[in-house]
């Protein structure tokens, strides 16, 4: 059951849809991994991951956008999350992505983030987006570059300390 007003977006290999409670275990496994989670935020136990998931649902209701679950069409399994994030303290709306263990190296993050960005430009009328990436997260930096984003500046992220802001090309540049 959808818990948000999120659309269902599709690509050749993926379905992006609003968060559901059945998605929480996969997200909590990611969020509890001390190797994988720090690029996204602090490592959290399953209870705090549930609270983060609930916050994302609230974000959808406040802003009309948020993180969507990425479903792998082939397996039907949650493969990660992507969407537009702009909580209190953020410099501006951010295109974010996470791919869960076992789904890396297949272009899923690129395909999902590109679809989410196109939706933000087409349906929400955004004219620009950023991605906030830690200086040590070279994989996300490479993906941002592949999406056409360029490093703009560093700033103080309210949750993660010094962070990098990467600017995505606007709708005209990506020919939405």
C-alpha atoms as a PDB file:
ATOM      1  CA  UNK A   1       0.000   0.000   0.000  1.00  0.00           C
ATOM      2  CA  UNK A   2       1.379   3.389  -1.008  1.00  0.00           C
ATOM      3  CA  UNK A   3       1.906   5.741   1.915  1.00  0.00           C
ATOM      4  CA  UNK A   4       2.554   8.856  -0.178  1.00  0.00           C
ATOM      5  CA  UNK A   5       1.250  10.799  -3.153  1.00  0.00           C
ATOM      6  CA  UNK A   6       4.276   9.550  -5.114  1.00  0.00           C
ATOM      7  CA  UNK A   7       3.871   8.713  -8.783  1.00  0.00           C
ATOM      8  CA  UNK A   8       4.940   5.422 -10.303  1.00  0.00           C
ATOM      9  CA  UNK A   9       7.823   6.078 -12.685  1.00  0.00           C
ATOM     10  CA  UNK A  10       9.195   3.455 -15.018  1.00  0.00           C
ATOM     11  CA  UNK A  11      12.316   2.758 -17.006  1.00  0.00           C
ATOM     12  CA  UNK A  12      13.236  -0.237 -19.078  1.00  0.00           C
ATOM     13  CA  UNK A  13      14.575  -2.150 -16.064  1.00  0.00           C
ATOM     14  CA  UNK A  14      13.135  -0.334 -13.054  1.00  0.00           C
ATOM     15  CA  UNK A  15       9.986   0.832 -11.321  1.00  0.00           C
ATOM     16  CA  UNK A  16      10.203   3.821  -8.984  1.00  0.00           C
ATOM     17  CA  UNK A  17       7.310   4.140  -6.558  1.00  0.00           C
ATOM     18  CA  UNK A  18       6.442   5.637  -3.227  1.00  0.00           C
ATOM     19  CA  UNK A  19       7.723   4.112   0.007  1.00  0.00           C
ATOM     20  CA  UNK A  20       5.819   1.201   1.525  1.00  0.00           C
ATOM     21  CA  UNK A  21       6.245  -0.442   4.907  1.00  0.00           C
ATOM     22  CA  UNK A  22       7.350  -3.652   3.172  1.00  0.00           C
ATOM     23  CA  UNK A  23      10.441  -1.725   1.947  1.00  0.00           C
ATOM     24  CA  UNK A  24      11.732  -0.994   5.446  1.00  0.00           C
ATOM     25  CA  UNK A  25      13.712  -4.248   6.023  1.00  0.00           C
ATOM     26  CA  UNK A  26      15.844  -3.749   2.875  1.00  0.00           C
ATOM     27  CA  UNK A  27      16.409  -0.084   3.744  1.00  0.00           C
ATOM     28  CA  UNK A  28      17.265  -0.945   7.365  1.00  0.00           C
ATOM     29  CA  UNK A  29      19.861  -3.516   6.215  1.00  0.00           C
ATOM     30  CA  UNK A  30      21.491  -0.806   4.093  1.00  0.00           C
ATOM     31  CA  UNK A  31      21.206   1.844   6.818  1.00  0.00           C
ATOM     32  CA  UNK A  32      22.759  -0.480   9.394  1.00  0.00           C
ATOM     33  CA  UNK A  33      25.806  -1.347   7.283  1.00  0.00           C
ATOM     34  CA  UNK A  34      28.861   0.478   8.687  1.00  0.00           C
ATOM     35  CA  UNK A  35      30.635   0.315   5.315  1.00  0.00           C
ATOM     36  CA  UNK A  36      27.775   1.386   3.028  1.00  0.00           C
ATOM     37  CA  UNK A  37      25.584   3.740   5.088  1.00  0.00           C
ATOM     38  CA  UNK A  38      28.036   6.568   5.931  1.00  0.00           C
ATOM     39  CA  UNK A  39      27.821   8.096   2.437  1.00  0.00           C
ATOM     40  CA  UNK A  40      24.082   8.514   3.033  1.00  0.00           C
ATOM     41  CA  UNK A  41      24.092   9.440   6.690  1.00  0.00           C
ATOM     42  CA  UNK A  42      24.833   7.967  10.077  1.00  0.00           C
ATOM     43  CA  UNK A  43      24.650   4.203  10.593  1.00  0.00           C
ATOM     44  CA  UNK A  44      21.298   3.451  12.228  1.00  0.00           C
ATOM     45  CA  UNK A  45      19.729   0.528  14.049  1.00  0.00           C
ATOM     46  CA  UNK A  46      16.487  -0.904  12.613  1.00  0.00           C
ATOM     47  CA  UNK A  47      14.305   1.240  14.895  1.00  0.00           C
ATOM     48  CA  UNK A  48      15.973   4.495  13.815  1.00  0.00           C
ATOM     49  CA  UNK A  49      15.814   3.358  10.181  1.00  0.00           C
ATOM     50  CA  UNK A  50      12.062   2.915  10.614  1.00  0.00           C
ATOM     51  CA  UNK A  51      11.869   6.473  11.975  1.00  0.00           C
ATOM     52  CA  UNK A  52      13.883   7.770   8.981  1.00  0.00           C
ATOM     53  CA  UNK A  53      11.460   5.930   6.670  1.00  0.00           C
ATOM     54  CA  UNK A  54       8.515   7.604   8.430  1.00  0.00           C
ATOM     55  CA  UNK A  55      10.274  10.973   8.063  1.00  0.00           C
ATOM     56  CA  UNK A  56      10.551  10.352   4.308  1.00  0.00           C
ATOM     57  CA  UNK A  57       6.792   9.732   4.172  1.00  0.00           C
ATOM     58  CA  UNK A  58       6.251  13.023   6.003  1.00  0.00           C
ATOM     59  CA  UNK A  59       8.649  14.742   3.586  1.00  0.00           C
ATOM     60  CA  UNK A  60       6.402  13.597   0.716  1.00  0.00           C
ATOM     61  CA  UNK A  61       3.353  15.100   2.380  1.00  0.00           C
ATOM     62  CA  UNK A  62       5.106  18.393   3.171  1.00  0.00           C
ATOM     63  CA  UNK A  63       6.869  18.916  -0.174  1.00  0.00           C
ATOM     64  CA  UNK A  64       5.051  16.689  -2.655  1.00  0.00           C
ATOM     65  CA  UNK A  65       8.289  14.829  -3.365  1.00  0.00           C
ATOM     66  CA  UNK A  66      10.819  12.675  -1.555  1.00  0.00           C
ATOM     67  CA  UNK A  67      12.665   9.387  -1.891  1.00  0.00           C
ATOM     68  CA  UNK A  68      11.076   6.620  -3.969  1.00  0.00           C
ATOM     69  CA  UNK A  69      11.820   2.930  -3.754  1.00  0.00           C
ATOM     70  CA  UNK A  70      13.681   1.554  -6.762  1.00  0.00           C
ATOM     71  CA  UNK A  71      12.273  -1.840  -7.724  1.00  0.00           C
ATOM     72  CA  UNK A  72      14.235  -4.163  -9.985  1.00  0.00           C
ATOM     73  CA  UNK A  73      11.737  -5.346 -12.620  1.00  0.00           C
ATOM     74  CA  UNK A  74      13.502  -8.691 -13.087  1.00  0.00           C
ATOM     75  CA  UNK A  75      13.402  -9.758  -9.439  1.00  0.00           C
ATOM     76  CA  UNK A  76      10.695  -7.488  -8.003  1.00  0.00           C
ATOM     77  CA  UNK A  77      13.075  -6.726  -5.135  1.00  0.00           C
ATOM     78  CA  UNK A  78      13.851  -3.276  -3.718  1.00  0.00           C
ATOM     79  CA  UNK A  79      17.174  -2.265  -5.273  1.00  0.00           C
ATOM     80  CA  UNK A  80      17.584   1.106  -3.520  1.00  0.00           C
ATOM     81  CA  UNK A  81      16.035   4.549  -3.242  1.00  0.00           C
ATOM     82  CA  UNK A  82      16.198   7.724  -5.291  1.00  0.00           C
ATOM     83  CA  UNK A  83      14.355  11.001  -5.362  1.00  0.00           C
ATOM     84  CA  UNK A  84      14.348  14.629  -4.396  1.00  0.00           C
ATOM     85  CA  UNK A  85      15.231  15.556  -0.802  1.00  0.00           C
ATOM     86  CA  UNK A  86      15.003  18.964   0.828  1.00  0.00           C
ATOM     87  CA  UNK A  87      14.622  18.802   4.621  1.00  0.00           C
ATOM     88  CA  UNK A  88      15.191  21.724   6.951  1.00  0.00           C
ATOM     89  CA  UNK A  89      18.837  22.779   6.822  1.00  0.00           C
ATOM     90  CA  UNK A  90      19.461  21.685   3.217  1.00  0.00           C
ATOM     91  CA  UNK A  91      20.912  24.333   0.886  1.00  0.00           C
ATOM     92  CA  UNK A  92      18.361  23.497  -1.843  1.00  0.00           C
ATOM     93  CA  UNK A  93      16.559  20.461  -3.329  1.00  0.00           C
ATOM     94  CA  UNK A  94      18.866  17.505  -3.812  1.00  0.00           C
ATOM     95  CA  UNK A  95      18.724  14.568  -6.205  1.00  0.00           C
ATOM     96  CA  UNK A  96      19.835  11.601  -4.115  1.00  0.00           C
ATOM     97  CA  UNK A  97      20.352   7.888  -4.669  1.00  0.00           C
ATOM     98  CA  UNK A  98      21.296   4.714  -2.861  1.00  0.00           C
ATOM     99  CA  UNK A  99      21.675   1.246  -4.344  1.00  0.00           C
ATOM    100  CA  UNK A 100      21.456  -1.730  -2.015  1.00  0.00           C
ATOM    101  CA  UNK A 101      24.025  -4.486  -1.753  1.00  0.00           C
ATOM    102  CA  UNK A 102      23.792  -6.911  -4.646  1.00  0.00           C
ATOM    103  CA  UNK A 103      22.499  -4.287  -7.082  1.00  0.00           C
ATOM    104  CA  UNK A 104      25.703  -2.273  -7.620  1.00  0.00           C
ATOM    105  CA  UNK A 105      27.610  -2.126 -10.882  1.00  0.00           C
ATOM    106  CA  UNK A 106      24.539  -2.584 -13.093  1.00  0.00           C
ATOM    107  CA  UNK A 107      23.754   1.072 -13.888  1.00  0.00           C
ATOM    108  CA  UNK A 108      20.681   1.041 -11.630  1.00  0.00           C
ATOM    109  CA  UNK A 109      21.603   4.211  -9.721  1.00  0.00           C
ATOM    110  CA  UNK A 110      22.194   6.094 -12.983  1.00  0.00           C
ATOM    111  CA  UNK A 111      18.959   4.898 -14.584  1.00  0.00           C
ATOM    112  CA  UNK A 112      16.867   5.607 -11.479  1.00  0.00           C
ATOM    113  CA  UNK A 113      18.419   8.998 -10.658  1.00  0.00           C
ATOM    114  CA  UNK A 114      18.079  10.162 -14.262  1.00  0.00           C
ATOM    115  CA  UNK A 115      14.390   9.188 -14.268  1.00  0.00           C
ATOM    116  CA  UNK A 116      13.806  10.936 -10.919  1.00  0.00           C
ATOM    117  CA  UNK A 117      15.566  14.075 -12.191  1.00  0.00           C
ATOM    118  CA  UNK A 118      13.515  14.085 -15.401  1.00  0.00           C
ATOM    119  CA  UNK A 119      10.333  13.775 -13.307  1.00  0.00           C
ATOM    120  CA  UNK A 120      11.407  16.695 -11.092  1.00  0.00           C
ATOM    121  CA  UNK A 121      11.965  18.867 -14.159  1.00  0.00           C
ATOM    122  CA  UNK A 122       8.873  17.741 -16.086  1.00  0.00           C
ATOM    123  CA  UNK A 123       6.229  17.314 -13.376  1.00  0.00           C
ATOM    124  CA  UNK A 124       7.465  19.517 -10.545  1.00  0.00           C
ATOM    125  CA  UNK A 125       8.888  22.366 -12.613  1.00  0.00           C
ATOM    126  CA  UNK A 126      12.327  22.390 -11.014  1.00  0.00           C
ATOM    127  CA  UNK A 127      14.903  24.364 -12.989  1.00  0.00           C
ATOM    128  CA  UNK A 128      17.951  23.031 -11.168  1.00  0.00           C
ATOM    129  CA  UNK A 129      18.936  20.290  -8.738  1.00  0.00           C
ATOM    130  CA  UNK A 130      21.999  19.515  -6.706  1.00  0.00           C
ATOM    131  CA  UNK A 131      23.501  16.384  -5.188  1.00  0.00           C
ATOM    132  CA  UNK A 132      25.200  16.581  -1.799  1.00  0.00           C
ATOM    133  CA  UNK A 133      28.154  14.193  -1.746  1.00  0.00           C
ATOM    134  CA  UNK A 134      30.877  13.543   0.824  1.00  0.00           C
ATOM    135  CA  UNK A 135      34.411  14.199  -0.408  1.00  0.00           C
ATOM    136  CA  UNK A 136      35.251  10.534   0.282  1.00  0.00           C
ATOM    137  CA  UNK A 137      32.321   9.158  -1.738  1.00  0.00           C
ATOM    138  CA  UNK A 138      34.069   8.832  -5.082  1.00  0.00           C
ATOM    139  CA  UNK A 139      31.470   6.426  -6.498  1.00  0.00           C
ATOM    140  CA  UNK A 140      28.666   8.990  -6.039  1.00  0.00           C
ATOM    141  CA  UNK A 141      30.898  11.727  -7.434  1.00  0.00           C
ATOM    142  CA  UNK A 142      31.491   9.602 -10.549  1.00  0.00           C
ATOM    143  CA  UNK A 143      27.760   9.002 -10.916  1.00  0.00           C
ATOM    144  CA  UNK A 144      27.029  12.726 -10.509  1.00  0.00           C
ATOM    145  CA  UNK A 145      29.534  13.457 -13.277  1.00  0.00           C
ATOM    146  CA  UNK A 146      27.962  10.768 -15.482  1.00  0.00           C
ATOM    147  CA  UNK A 147      24.620  12.548 -14.934  1.00  0.00           C
ATOM    148  CA  UNK A 148      26.269  15.789 -16.093  1.00  0.00           C
ATOM    149  CA  UNK A 149      26.593  17.397 -12.653  1.00  0.00           C
ATOM    150  CA  UNK A 150      29.626  19.543 -11.840  1.00  0.00           C
ATOM    151  CA  UNK A 151      31.227  20.262  -8.492  1.00  0.00           C
ATOM    152  CA  UNK A 152      30.158  23.727  -7.349  1.00  0.00           C
ATOM    153  CA  UNK A 153      31.334  24.209  -3.756  1.00  0.00           C
ATOM    154  CA  UNK A 154      31.675  22.762  -0.299  1.00  0.00           C
ATOM    155  CA  UNK A 155      29.243  23.615   2.481  1.00  0.00           C
ATOM    156  CA  UNK A 156      28.407  22.518   6.024  1.00  0.00           C
ATOM    157  CA  UNK A 157      25.782  19.787   5.958  1.00  0.00           C
ATOM    158  CA  UNK A 158      23.697  19.933   9.157  1.00  0.00           C
ATOM    159  CA  UNK A 159      24.042  16.162   9.637  1.00  0.00           C
ATOM    160  CA  UNK A 160      27.308  15.175   7.996  1.00  0.00           C
ATOM    161  CA  UNK A 161      29.724  18.083   8.360  1.00  0.00           C
ATOM    162  CA  UNK A 162      31.646  19.277   5.336  1.00  0.00           C
ATOM    163  CA  UNK A 163      29.893  18.167   2.180  1.00  0.00           C
ATOM    164  CA  UNK A 164      30.202  18.828  -1.534  1.00  0.00           C
ATOM    165  CA  UNK A 165      27.416  20.370  -3.579  1.00  0.00           C
ATOM    166  CA  UNK A 166      27.256  19.126  -7.181  1.00  0.00           C
ATOM    167  CA  UNK A 167      25.055  21.067  -9.639  1.00  0.00           C
ATOM    168  CA  UNK A 168      23.012  19.144 -12.217  1.00  0.00           C
ATOM    169  CA  UNK A 169      22.323  20.512 -15.681  1.00  0.00           C
ATOM    170  CA  UNK A 170      18.900  22.135 -16.026  1.00  0.00           C
ATOM    171  CA  UNK A 171      15.967  20.888 -18.066  1.00  0.00           C
ATOM    172  CA  UNK A 172      17.124  22.523 -21.306  1.00  0.00           C
ATOM    173  CA  UNK A 173      20.559  20.913 -21.039  1.00  0.00           C
ATOM    174  CA  UNK A 174      19.196  17.423 -20.420  1.00  0.00           C
ATOM    175  CA  UNK A 175      16.442  17.784 -23.073  1.00  0.00           C
ATOM    176  CA  UNK A 176      13.650  16.606 -20.804  1.00  0.00           C
END
